[in-house]
């Protein structure tokens, strides 16, 4: 009854099933591993950020370049405030507002973007407190340059004069006439009554859309395993029933077979 399993057609079906199942399991396990890595990175980044707040501030030069190990670390920098920009469409406690970003010009000739605080509402330069004058020393958490479209950073362009969508050297290089560090600092305490901006997790370490995409892909790959097994048993059952009917002489007549194949029933020469 099961001799049909030795036909070339079923050899092809069986080889496909044998290869497809382990491949889908491997891909599902890989996607699950990616999700678990992001969860672990998120937990590690949160723990590291909390512990960093209690560490002594270190000079900026010792923490560069910014990576997962140095994001959120406390740093101290001296210089003079220069150009000031507003960063719109930033949320804090479910309220929309904007960051006040001031460039701190250092003795190295480069400027460090410093987020002095957050204000609610639409960007309004008239409501922004003026930065301190003269030589200042700031202390805050080190942050990596932002990428438009990630972690809530707007990807739109064409901002009005005095505004920028992302805090990064690539975005600021065309807005100020001096070199900018590929990093930025958020003050531990908001300046001039503004609210302090909390430390952001490093990119690709949060439970963001990409993390849950990995979880969704995991479910899809394992669901495909079930689909392959279901279809194989369905085809096997159908072929078994046809083989059993053939052994019992219950094979469908020619007209029924033609109808199943989508053909017109055969007519006798007389047209009956």
Protein backbone atom coordinates (compact mmCIF):
# COMPACT_ATOMS: atom_id res chain seq x y z
CA UNK A 1 0.00 0.00 0.00
CA UNK A 2 2.89 2.32 0.75
CA UNK A 3 4.87 1.53 -2.37
CA UNK A 4 4.00 5.00 -3.66
CA UNK A 5 6.58 6.35 -1.17
CA UNK A 6 9.28 4.96 -3.47
CA UNK A 7 8.12 6.96 -6.48
CA UNK A 8 10.29 9.90 -7.67
CA UNK A 9 7.52 12.34 -6.70
CA UNK A 10 7.49 11.18 -3.08
CA UNK A 11 11.26 11.00 -2.95
CA UNK A 12 11.26 14.70 -3.79
CA UNK A 13 8.59 15.45 -1.15
CA UNK A 14 10.42 13.50 1.55
CA UNK A 15 13.79 15.12 0.79
CA UNK A 16 12.16 18.58 0.99
CA UNK A 17 10.56 17.77 4.36
CA UNK A 18 13.78 16.30 5.80
CA UNK A 19 15.72 19.43 4.80
CA UNK A 20 13.03 22.01 5.57
CA UNK A 21 12.30 20.99 9.18
CA UNK A 22 15.85 21.31 10.59
CA UNK A 23 16.41 24.49 8.57
CA UNK A 24 13.29 26.11 10.03
CA UNK A 25 14.22 24.97 13.55
CA UNK A 26 17.70 26.44 13.10
CA UNK A 27 16.37 29.77 11.83
CA UNK A 28 13.75 29.95 14.59
CA UNK A 29 16.37 29.21 17.25
CA UNK A 30 18.69 31.84 15.76
CA UNK A 31 15.97 34.50 15.82
CA UNK A 32 15.08 33.54 19.41
CA UNK A 33 18.74 33.87 20.33
CA UNK A 34 18.83 37.36 18.81
CA UNK A 35 15.81 38.35 20.91
CA UNK A 36 17.38 36.95 24.08
CA UNK A 37 20.62 38.81 23.34
CA UNK A 38 18.69 42.08 23.03
CA UNK A 39 16.90 41.40 26.32
CA UNK A 40 20.24 40.70 28.00
CA UNK A 41 21.81 43.82 26.47
CA UNK A 42 18.85 45.88 27.67
CA UNK A 43 19.20 44.51 31.19
CA UNK A 44 22.97 45.05 31.20
CA UNK A 45 22.65 48.60 29.84
CA UNK A 46 20.04 49.50 32.46
CA UNK A 47 22.15 48.09 35.28
CA UNK A 48 25.28 49.77 33.97
CA UNK A 49 23.51 53.13 33.68
CA UNK A 50 22.23 52.95 37.25
CA UNK A 51 25.65 52.06 38.64
CA UNK A 52 27.38 54.73 36.52
CA UNK A 53 25.43 57.50 38.25
CA UNK A 54 27.23 56.68 41.49
CA UNK A 55 30.71 56.62 39.94
CA UNK A 56 33.13 59.50 39.92
CA UNK A 57 33.13 61.58 36.76
CA UNK A 58 36.05 60.93 34.42
CA UNK A 59 37.66 63.20 31.80
CA UNK A 60 36.03 62.96 28.39
CA UNK A 61 39.21 61.81 26.64
CA UNK A 62 39.29 58.62 28.74
CA UNK A 63 35.80 57.59 27.65
CA UNK A 64 36.12 58.08 23.91
CA UNK A 65 35.20 56.62 21.52
CA UNK A 66 31.72 55.95 22.87
CA UNK A 67 30.66 52.30 22.95
CA UNK A 68 28.34 50.06 24.96
CA UNK A 69 30.82 50.05 27.85
CA UNK A 70 31.09 53.84 28.14
CA UNK A 71 27.55 54.99 27.33
CA UNK A 72 26.00 56.46 30.46
CA UNK A 73 29.34 56.94 32.22
CA UNK A 74 29.80 60.16 34.12
CA UNK A 75 32.17 62.63 32.52
CA UNK A 76 33.34 66.14 33.27
CA UNK A 77 34.32 68.71 30.65
CA UNK A 78 35.37 72.36 30.81
CA UNK A 79 34.90 75.04 28.18
CA UNK A 80 32.75 77.94 27.07
CA UNK A 81 29.22 77.67 25.74
CA UNK A 82 28.73 78.69 22.13
CA UNK A 83 25.98 78.04 19.58
CA UNK A 84 22.63 76.83 20.85
CA UNK A 85 20.10 74.62 19.00
CA UNK A 86 16.71 73.18 19.82
CA UNK A 87 15.87 69.51 19.26
CA UNK A 88 12.09 69.18 18.74
CA UNK A 89 9.72 66.22 19.03
CA UNK A 90 11.27 64.75 22.17
CA UNK A 91 9.03 63.11 24.77
CA UNK A 92 9.45 63.06 28.51
CA UNK A 93 6.84 61.45 30.77
CA UNK A 94 4.47 61.13 27.77
CA UNK A 95 4.66 64.87 27.09
CA UNK A 96 6.10 66.27 23.87
CA UNK A 97 8.70 68.98 24.07
CA UNK A 98 12.22 69.74 22.98
CA UNK A 99 15.82 69.50 24.13
CA UNK A 100 17.97 72.56 24.61
CA UNK A 101 21.31 71.69 23.03
CA UNK A 102 24.28 74.00 23.59
CA UNK A 103 27.75 73.47 22.10
CA UNK A 104 30.52 73.56 24.70
CA UNK A 105 33.73 74.72 23.04
CA UNK A 106 36.74 73.06 24.65
CA UNK A 107 40.48 73.74 24.60
CA UNK A 108 40.92 70.97 22.01
CA UNK A 109 39.27 73.14 19.37
CA UNK A 110 36.26 70.86 19.17
CA UNK A 111 32.85 71.41 20.70
CA UNK A 112 30.89 68.93 22.80
CA UNK A 113 27.08 68.95 22.39
CA UNK A 114 25.55 69.39 25.85
CA UNK A 115 21.83 68.87 26.47
CA UNK A 116 21.15 71.39 29.22
CA UNK A 117 17.55 70.29 29.71
CA UNK A 118 14.05 69.71 28.33
CA UNK A 119 11.13 72.09 27.93
CA UNK A 120 7.49 71.22 27.07
CA UNK A 121 5.61 72.39 23.99
CA UNK A 122 6.80 73.58 20.60
CA UNK A 123 10.35 74.89 20.23
CA UNK A 124 10.47 78.55 21.18
CA UNK A 125 13.86 80.29 21.47
CA UNK A 126 12.25 83.06 23.53
CA UNK A 127 11.45 80.59 26.33
CA UNK A 128 14.92 79.07 26.45
CA UNK A 129 17.19 80.23 29.29
CA UNK A 130 20.48 81.70 28.12
CA UNK A 131 23.53 79.52 28.80
CA UNK A 132 26.03 80.54 31.49
CA UNK A 133 28.81 82.83 30.30
CA UNK A 134 32.53 82.44 30.81
CA UNK A 135 34.44 79.29 31.63
CA UNK A 136 32.20 76.48 32.90
CA UNK A 137 32.67 72.88 33.96
CA UNK A 138 29.81 70.52 33.20
CA UNK A 139 29.19 67.04 34.58
CA UNK A 140 26.81 64.58 33.01
CA UNK A 141 26.22 61.24 31.36
CA UNK A 142 28.03 60.45 28.13
CA UNK A 143 25.82 59.53 25.18
CA UNK A 144 26.48 58.10 21.72
CA UNK A 145 25.59 60.05 18.60
CA UNK A 146 22.02 59.51 17.51
CA UNK A 147 20.86 57.94 14.25
CA UNK A 148 17.76 59.39 12.57
CA UNK A 149 14.90 56.91 12.69
CA UNK A 150 16.20 54.97 15.71
CA UNK A 151 15.16 55.13 19.38
CA UNK A 152 12.52 57.78 18.78
CA UNK A 153 14.82 60.10 16.82
CA UNK A 154 12.95 61.81 13.99
CA UNK A 155 14.08 60.93 10.47
CA UNK A 156 12.62 64.01 8.81
CA UNK A 157 14.82 66.70 7.29
CA UNK A 158 14.51 70.39 6.50
CA UNK A 159 14.33 71.66 10.07
CA UNK A 160 13.92 75.41 10.64
CA UNK A 161 16.99 77.48 11.39
CA UNK A 162 18.23 76.91 14.92
CA UNK A 163 16.85 73.37 15.12
CA UNK A 164 18.18 69.87 14.50
CA UNK A 165 16.48 66.48 14.50
CA UNK A 166 19.38 64.34 15.71
CA UNK A 167 22.27 64.94 18.08
CA UNK A 168 25.28 63.73 16.14
CA UNK A 169 28.46 65.08 14.60
CA UNK A 170 27.08 64.29 11.14
CA UNK A 171 24.01 66.45 11.77
CA UNK A 172 25.80 69.32 13.51
CA UNK A 173 28.84 69.67 11.24
CA UNK A 174 26.81 71.71 8.76
CA UNK A 175 25.19 73.87 11.45
CA UNK A 176 28.22 75.16 13.37
CA UNK A 177 31.55 76.53 12.07
CA UNK A 178 33.80 74.21 14.12
CA UNK A 179 34.46 70.51 14.67
CA UNK A 180 32.14 68.56 16.96
CA UNK A 181 32.79 65.50 19.11
CA UNK A 182 31.09 62.32 17.96
CA UNK A 183 29.30 62.14 21.33
CA UNK A 184 27.15 64.28 23.58
CA UNK A 185 26.41 64.79 27.26
CA UNK A 186 23.15 65.15 29.16
CA UNK A 187 23.48 67.10 32.41
CA UNK A 188 22.62 65.33 35.63
CA UNK A 189 20.59 68.34 36.72
CA UNK A 190 18.64 70.55 34.33
CA UNK A 191 20.13 74.00 33.84
CA UNK A 192 18.18 77.15 34.77
CA UNK A 193 15.07 75.29 35.92
CA UNK A 194 14.79 72.99 32.89
CA UNK A 195 14.15 69.26 33.40
CA UNK A 196 17.14 66.98 33.10
CA UNK A 197 17.06 64.60 30.14
CA UNK A 198 17.41 60.94 31.24
CA UNK A 199 20.14 58.75 29.90
CA UNK A 200 19.24 56.83 26.74
CA UNK A 201 20.16 53.18 26.28
CA UNK A 202 22.78 52.42 23.62
CA UNK A 203 21.44 51.63 20.17
CA UNK A 204 20.48 48.00 19.55
CA UNK A 205 20.29 47.26 23.29
CA UNK A 206 16.70 48.22 24.04
CA UNK A 207 13.43 46.30 23.75
CA UNK A 208 12.52 48.19 20.61
CA UNK A 209 10.68 47.23 17.42
CA UNK A 210 13.67 45.26 16.12
CA UNK A 211 13.70 43.10 19.24
CA UNK A 212 10.04 42.16 18.88
CA UNK A 213 10.55 41.59 15.16
CA UNK A 214 13.06 38.90 16.12
CA UNK A 215 10.44 37.36 18.40
CA UNK A 216 7.85 37.47 15.62
CA UNK A 217 10.23 35.81 13.15
CA UNK A 218 10.85 33.09 15.73
CA UNK A 219 7.14 32.29 15.85
CA UNK A 220 6.91 32.29 12.05
CA UNK A 221 9.77 29.81 11.59
CA UNK A 222 8.39 27.37 14.18
CA UNK A 223 4.89 27.73 12.72
CA UNK A 224 6.31 26.81 9.33
CA UNK A 225 7.68 23.58 10.85
CA UNK A 226 4.17 22.66 11.93
CA UNK A 227 2.79 23.57 8.49
CA UNK A 228 5.34 21.36 6.70
CA UNK A 229 4.57 18.39 8.96
CA UNK A 230 0.81 18.92 8.59
CA UNK A 231 0.99 19.06 4.79
CA UNK A 232 3.19 15.94 4.64
CA UNK A 233 0.69 13.91 6.71
CA UNK A 234 -2.20 15.30 4.67
CA UNK A 235 -0.57 14.23 1.39
CA UNK A 236 0.35 10.83 2.89
CA UNK A 237 -3.22 10.23 4.04
CA UNK A 238 -4.62 11.19 0.64
CA UNK A 239 -2.22 8.90 -1.22
CA UNK A 240 -2.93 6.04 1.22
CA UNK A 241 -6.67 6.35 0.73
CA UNK A 242 -6.28 6.37 -3.05
CA UNK A 243 -4.03 3.28 -2.88
CA UNK A 244 -6.52 1.47 -0.64
CA UNK A 245 -9.41 2.34 -2.96
CA UNK A 246 -7.43 1.03 -5.91
CA UNK A 247 -6.76 -2.29 -4.14
CA UNK A 248 -10.48 -2.65 -3.37
CA UNK A 249 -11.46 -1.81 -6.91
CA UNK A 250 -13.06 1.44 -5.84
CA UNK A 251 -11.08 3.66 -8.18
CA UNK A 252 -13.21 6.56 -9.54
CA UNK A 253 -14.76 6.02 -12.96
CA UNK A 254 -13.48 7.91 -15.98
CA UNK A 255 -16.16 10.64 -15.86
CA UNK A 256 -15.47 11.30 -12.15
CA UNK A 257 -11.71 11.31 -12.74
CA UNK A 258 -12.14 13.74 -15.64
CA UNK A 259 -14.33 15.99 -13.51
CA UNK A 260 -11.75 15.95 -10.71
CA UNK A 261 -9.12 16.92 -13.27
CA UNK A 262 -11.24 19.84 -14.48
CA UNK A 263 -12.01 18.25 -17.89
CA UNK A 264 -15.34 17.76 -19.67
CA UNK A 265 -16.84 14.27 -19.27
CA UNK A 266 -16.18 12.02 -22.26
CA UNK A 267 -19.09 11.53 -24.68
CA UNK A 268 -19.95 8.52 -26.76
CA UNK A 269 -19.67 8.85 -30.59
CA UNK A 270 -23.45 9.22 -30.71
CA UNK A 271 -23.28 12.26 -28.48
CA UNK A 272 -25.15 10.51 -25.61
